Amino acid sequence: MRIRLPLLALALAVVTSACSARGDEPVGPTPASRAASAAAAPSPLPPLLGRGAYVAGTIHREIIVFRKPDPVTADFVLDTRNPFGQRTPLLVVDAERDAEGDAWYEVALPIRPNGTTGWMRGEELVVRKARDRVVVDLSERTLDHYRAGRLVQEMSVAVGSPDSPTTTGTFSVWAHVPQSNPYGPYGVYALGLSGFSDTYTEWEGSNGRIAIHGTSDLGDLGQPLSHGCIRVYNPDMEKLSHVPMGTPVVIRR
């Protein structure tokens, strides 16, 4: 038997922030909140695309992923450190309690295929509300950066070409990658995302992971000409580089 995890019960999994994300809002447990969680009627988590998105950092670098919120369904071990040595927080998709009252969280996994999720024990996670959110509109070729629900940046961007369109979906910031040459192919900075190209499985030694990255060419903006990444003019990218790891990134048509 499983019941939906009340929103207040998010606090049960939170002690302190285990990741170095800037601008996040830790949610700490108290005896009163735990008592309220136990008494509250079950309610779903806020929608992932709304202002109430949650991010889960892992207490340990490696964590067991389960197929269901049940300890007998262990599937594989996920290494949450990316190749740049950074720990990668995960977007929370859903949450439940099992029959013993233990919290479980379903998270979006930064692996192929896009949309893959898995369950993790709440005791292994540090869950917090995401303060930032990035929305990319492919039709308008714009990128909006929100903080605490307020629009703080709005910019024109380049998107994927018709032969290599930008993948749509909800992803997260998976890597921060400063660039040594602002005039190079990735501009001044790159934000690797948790999602992958639907066209390419690899390019230039990568596995087809999409990114938001800089460009020094103003002529790129507003054009459909990339291999699937989002290109941002370098001065705007320098500001965008400060979004925390794990920030939700919504890419829509």
Protein backbone atom coordinates (compact mmCIF):
# COMPACT_ATOMS: atom_id res chain seq x y z
CA MET A 1 0.00 0.00 0.00
CA ARG A 2 1.34 3.48 -0.90
CA ILE A 3 -0.09 6.90 -0.20
CA ARG A 4 0.79 10.23 -1.76
CA LEU A 5 3.36 12.17 0.23
CA PRO A 6 1.93 15.39 1.71
CA LEU A 7 3.69 18.57 0.68
CA LEU A 8 4.73 19.26 4.26
CA ALA A 9 6.43 15.88 4.38
CA LEU A 10 9.07 17.20 2.00
CA ALA A 11 10.70 18.51 5.13
CA LEU A 12 11.27 15.00 6.43
CA ALA A 13 13.98 14.44 3.84
CA VAL A 14 15.79 17.72 4.39
CA VAL A 15 18.56 18.40 6.87
CA THR A 16 20.99 20.85 5.25
CA SER A 17 21.97 21.63 1.67
CA ALA A 18 24.47 19.07 0.40
CA CYS A 19 25.09 20.78 -2.94
CA SER A 20 26.74 24.07 -3.83
CA ALA A 21 23.79 25.61 -5.69
CA ARG A 22 23.50 29.36 -5.31
CA GLY A 23 20.19 31.02 -4.49
CA ASP A 24 18.34 27.87 -3.41
CA GLU A 25 15.90 27.82 -0.52
CA PRO A 26 16.58 24.95 1.91
CA VAL A 27 13.51 23.49 3.61
CA GLY A 28 14.42 22.27 7.09
CA PRO A 29 12.40 19.88 9.25
CA THR A 30 11.04 20.75 12.66
CA PRO A 31 9.15 18.61 15.20
CA ALA A 32 6.06 20.70 14.53
CA SER A 33 6.27 20.25 10.75
CA ARG A 34 6.78 16.49 11.14
CA ALA A 35 3.73 16.25 13.35
CA ALA A 36 1.71 18.35 10.89
CA SER A 37 2.86 16.15 8.01
CA ALA A 38 1.65 13.02 9.75
CA ALA A 39 -1.76 14.54 10.41
CA ALA A 40 -2.24 16.30 7.06
CA ALA A 41 -4.39 14.82 4.32
CA PRO A 42 -2.30 13.52 1.38
CA SER A 43 -1.78 16.06 -1.39
CA PRO A 44 0.34 16.03 -4.56
CA LEU A 45 3.55 17.97 -4.99
CA PRO A 46 3.37 21.29 -6.84
CA PRO A 47 3.55 20.86 -10.63
CA LEU A 48 7.08 20.60 -11.95
CA LEU A 49 6.56 23.43 -14.43
CA GLY A 50 5.11 25.80 -11.85
CA ARG A 51 6.69 28.03 -9.25
CA GLY A 52 6.88 25.18 -6.77
CA ALA A 53 9.47 22.96 -8.46
CA TYR A 54 11.70 20.94 -6.13
CA VAL A 55 15.28 19.77 -6.55
CA ALA A 56 16.88 16.81 -4.79
CA GLY A 57 20.56 16.77 -3.91
CA THR A 58 22.09 13.47 -2.89
CA ILE A 59 23.85 12.97 0.43
CA HIS A 60 26.32 10.53 -1.14
CA ARG A 61 27.93 10.72 -4.55
CA GLU A 62 26.51 7.32 -5.59
CA ILE A 63 22.89 6.47 -4.95
CA ILE A 64 20.67 3.47 -5.64
CA VAL A 65 17.88 4.02 -8.16
CA PHE A 66 14.73 1.92 -7.75
CA ARG A 67 12.08 1.09 -10.35
CA LYS A 68 9.31 1.65 -7.80
CA PRO A 69 9.12 3.07 -4.26
CA ASP A 70 9.93 -0.37 -2.90
CA PRO A 71 13.35 -1.60 -1.68
CA VAL A 72 13.07 -4.88 -3.61
CA THR A 73 13.05 -3.04 -6.96
CA ALA A 74 16.65 -1.77 -6.90
CA ASP A 75 17.68 -1.11 -10.50
CA PHE A 76 21.16 0.43 -10.68
CA VAL A 77 23.56 2.80 -8.94
CA LEU A 78 23.72 6.37 -10.27
CA ASP A 79 26.94 8.37 -10.02
CA THR A 80 25.71 11.92 -9.40
CA ARG A 81 29.05 13.55 -10.16
CA ASN A 82 29.43 14.79 -13.73
CA PRO A 83 32.73 14.58 -15.68
CA PHE A 84 33.64 18.07 -14.43
CA GLY A 85 33.61 16.92 -10.82
CA GLN A 86 30.33 18.66 -9.97
CA ARG A 87 27.48 17.00 -8.06
CA THR A 88 24.25 17.16 -10.04
CA PRO A 89 20.95 17.78 -8.21
CA LEU A 90 17.89 16.06 -9.69
CA LEU A 91 14.41 17.39 -10.43
CA VAL A 92 11.65 15.93 -8.27
CA VAL A 93 8.77 14.48 -10.29
CA ASP A 94 6.68 12.82 -7.59
CA ALA A 95 6.78 11.64 -3.98
CA GLU A 96 5.11 8.92 -1.94
CA ARG A 97 5.22 7.19 1.41
CA ASP A 98 5.43 3.43 1.62
CA ALA A 99 3.46 1.30 4.09
CA GLU A 100 6.15 1.86 6.75
CA GLY A 101 5.84 5.62 6.40
CA ASP A 102 9.20 6.10 4.68
CA ALA A 103 9.47 8.87 2.10
CA TRP A 104 10.37 8.10 -1.52
CA TYR A 105 11.01 10.55 -4.34
CA GLU A 106 10.69 10.01 -8.07
CA VAL A 107 13.34 12.05 -9.86
CA ALA A 108 14.21 12.87 -13.47
CA LEU A 109 17.44 11.09 -14.37
CA PRO A 110 20.12 12.77 -16.55
CA ILE A 111 20.45 9.73 -18.81
CA ARG A 112 19.04 8.54 -22.13
CA PRO A 113 16.28 8.28 -23.13
CA ASN A 114 14.90 11.70 -22.26
CA GLY A 115 12.13 11.46 -19.70
CA THR A 116 13.66 8.52 -17.79
CA THR A 117 12.79 8.63 -14.10
CA GLY A 118 13.60 6.54 -11.05
CA TRP A 119 12.77 6.36 -7.37
CA MET A 120 15.15 7.15 -4.50
CA ARG A 121 14.88 6.86 -0.74
CA GLY A 122 14.06 10.13 0.95
CA GLU A 123 16.69 9.51 3.63
CA GLU A 124 19.37 9.66 0.92
CA LEU A 125 18.27 13.05 -0.42
CA VAL A 126 18.29 16.74 0.47
CA VAL A 127 15.17 18.29 -1.06
CA ARG A 128 14.74 22.02 -1.55
CA LYS A 129 12.58 24.40 -3.53
CA ALA A 130 14.15 25.65 -6.77
CA ARG A 131 14.31 29.42 -6.79
CA ASP A 132 15.35 29.84 -10.44
CA ARG A 133 13.70 28.63 -13.63
CA VAL A 134 14.64 28.99 -17.30
CA VAL A 135 12.07 28.84 -20.10
CA VAL A 136 13.12 28.55 -23.76
CA ASP A 137 10.46 29.21 -26.42
CA LEU A 138 11.59 27.69 -29.71
CA SER A 139 8.88 29.37 -31.79
CA GLU A 140 9.73 32.82 -30.47
CA ARG A 141 13.45 31.95 -30.15
CA THR A 142 13.61 33.52 -26.75
CA LEU A 143 14.96 32.56 -23.33
CA ASP A 144 13.41 33.85 -20.10
CA HIS A 145 15.12 33.52 -16.73
CA TYR A 146 12.90 33.70 -13.65
CA ARG A 147 13.94 34.01 -10.02
CA ALA A 148 11.36 33.56 -7.27
CA GLY A 149 8.67 33.79 -9.96
CA ARG A 150 9.92 37.15 -11.26
CA LEU A 151 11.33 37.63 -14.77
CA VAL A 152 14.94 38.81 -14.39
CA GLN A 153 16.29 38.20 -17.90
CA GLU A 154 14.70 38.05 -21.33
CA MET A 155 16.84 37.48 -24.39
CA SER A 156 16.83 36.45 -28.03
CA VAL A 157 18.61 33.16 -28.73
CA ALA A 158 19.56 30.82 -31.55
CA VAL A 159 17.94 27.38 -31.61
CA GLY A 160 18.36 24.10 -33.48
CA SER A 161 18.16 23.98 -37.25
CA PRO A 162 15.37 22.09 -39.06
CA ASP A 163 17.79 19.18 -39.55
CA SER A 164 18.80 19.11 -35.88
CA PRO A 165 15.94 20.65 -33.88
CA THR A 166 16.30 21.48 -30.21
CA THR A 167 14.77 18.80 -28.01
CA THR A 168 11.68 19.88 -26.11
CA GLY A 169 10.90 18.89 -22.53
CA THR A 170 11.74 19.74 -18.95
CA PHE A 171 15.40 19.35 -18.06
CA SER A 172 17.79 20.77 -15.48
CA VAL A 173 21.21 22.40 -15.32
CA TRP A 174 23.59 19.44 -15.18
CA ALA A 175 26.98 21.16 -15.53
CA HIS A 176 28.67 24.56 -15.33
CA VAL A 177 31.47 24.78 -17.88
CA PRO A 178 33.50 28.01 -18.16
CA GLN A 179 35.15 28.51 -21.55
CA SER A 180 38.70 29.76 -22.03
CA ASN A 181 37.99 31.33 -25.43
CA PRO A 182 34.87 33.54 -25.64
CA TYR A 183 35.15 33.47 -29.43
CA GLY A 184 35.12 29.68 -29.57
CA PRO A 185 32.12 27.48 -30.47
CA TYR A 186 30.65 27.65 -26.93
CA GLY A 187 31.28 31.32 -26.27
CA VAL A 188 32.12 32.53 -22.80
CA TYR A 189 30.26 29.84 -20.83
CA ALA A 190 28.17 26.70 -21.21
CA LEU A 191 25.40 25.22 -19.09
CA GLY A 192 25.17 21.51 -19.82
CA LEU A 193 21.61 20.21 -19.48
CA SER A 194 20.27 16.87 -18.29
CA GLY A 195 18.65 16.18 -21.70
CA PHE A 196 19.93 14.88 -25.01
CA SER A 197 19.53 15.59 -28.71
CA ASP A 198 16.96 13.48 -30.53
CA THR A 199 19.08 13.76 -33.69
CA TYR A 200 22.65 13.15 -32.54
CA THR A 201 23.95 10.47 -30.21
CA GLU A 202 27.41 12.02 -30.25
CA TRP A 203 29.34 14.98 -31.56
CA GLU A 204 32.84 16.28 -30.89
CA GLY A 205 33.42 13.51 -28.39
CA SER A 206 30.20 14.11 -26.41
CA ASN A 207 27.14 11.87 -26.17
CA GLY A 208 24.72 14.33 -27.71
CA ARG A 209 23.87 16.18 -24.49
CA ILE A 210 22.25 19.53 -25.16
CA ALA A 211 23.42 22.79 -23.63
CA ILE A 212 22.79 26.48 -23.30
CA HIS A 213 26.01 28.20 -24.29
CA GLY A 214 27.44 31.49 -25.40
CA THR A 215 28.19 32.92 -28.81
CA SER A 216 30.17 35.97 -29.86
CA ASP A 217 28.16 36.35 -33.09
CA LEU A 218 25.16 38.67 -32.79
CA GLY A 219 23.99 37.35 -36.15
CA ASP A 220 23.17 33.99 -34.54
CA LEU A 221 20.37 35.42 -32.44
CA GLY A 222 16.84 34.62 -33.51
CA GLN A 223 18.05 32.07 -36.03
CA PRO A 224 17.46 28.28 -36.29
CA LEU A 225 21.05 27.23 -37.00
CA SER A 226 22.53 25.22 -34.14
CA HIS A 227 23.01 21.46 -33.80
CA GLY A 228 20.32 21.50 -31.11
CA CYS A 229 21.84 23.68 -28.41
CA ILE A 230 20.60 27.10 -27.33
CA ARG A 231 23.01 29.91 -28.23
CA VAL A 232 23.04 33.02 -26.04
CA TYR A 233 24.97 36.21 -26.77
CA ASN A 234 28.06 36.28 -24.56
CA PRO A 235 27.13 39.31 -22.38
CA ASP A 236 23.76 37.67 -21.58
CA MET A 237 25.41 34.30 -21.05
CA GLU A 238 27.73 35.78 -18.42
CA LYS A 239 24.64 36.74 -16.38
CA LEU A 240 22.93 33.42 -17.02
CA SER A 241 26.02 31.53 -15.86
CA HIS A 242 25.03 32.21 -12.25
CA VAL A 243 21.92 30.00 -12.26
CA PRO A 244 22.33 27.14 -9.75
CA MET A 245 23.00 23.53 -10.58
CA GLY A 246 19.71 21.66 -10.87
CA THR A 247 17.73 24.70 -12.06
CA PRO A 248 14.66 23.55 -14.08
CA VAL A 249 14.95 24.35 -17.79
CA VAL A 250 11.71 24.13 -19.78
CA ILE A 251 12.13 23.97 -23.57
CA ARG A 252 8.86 24.33 -25.48
CA ARG A 253 7.60 25.05 -28.98
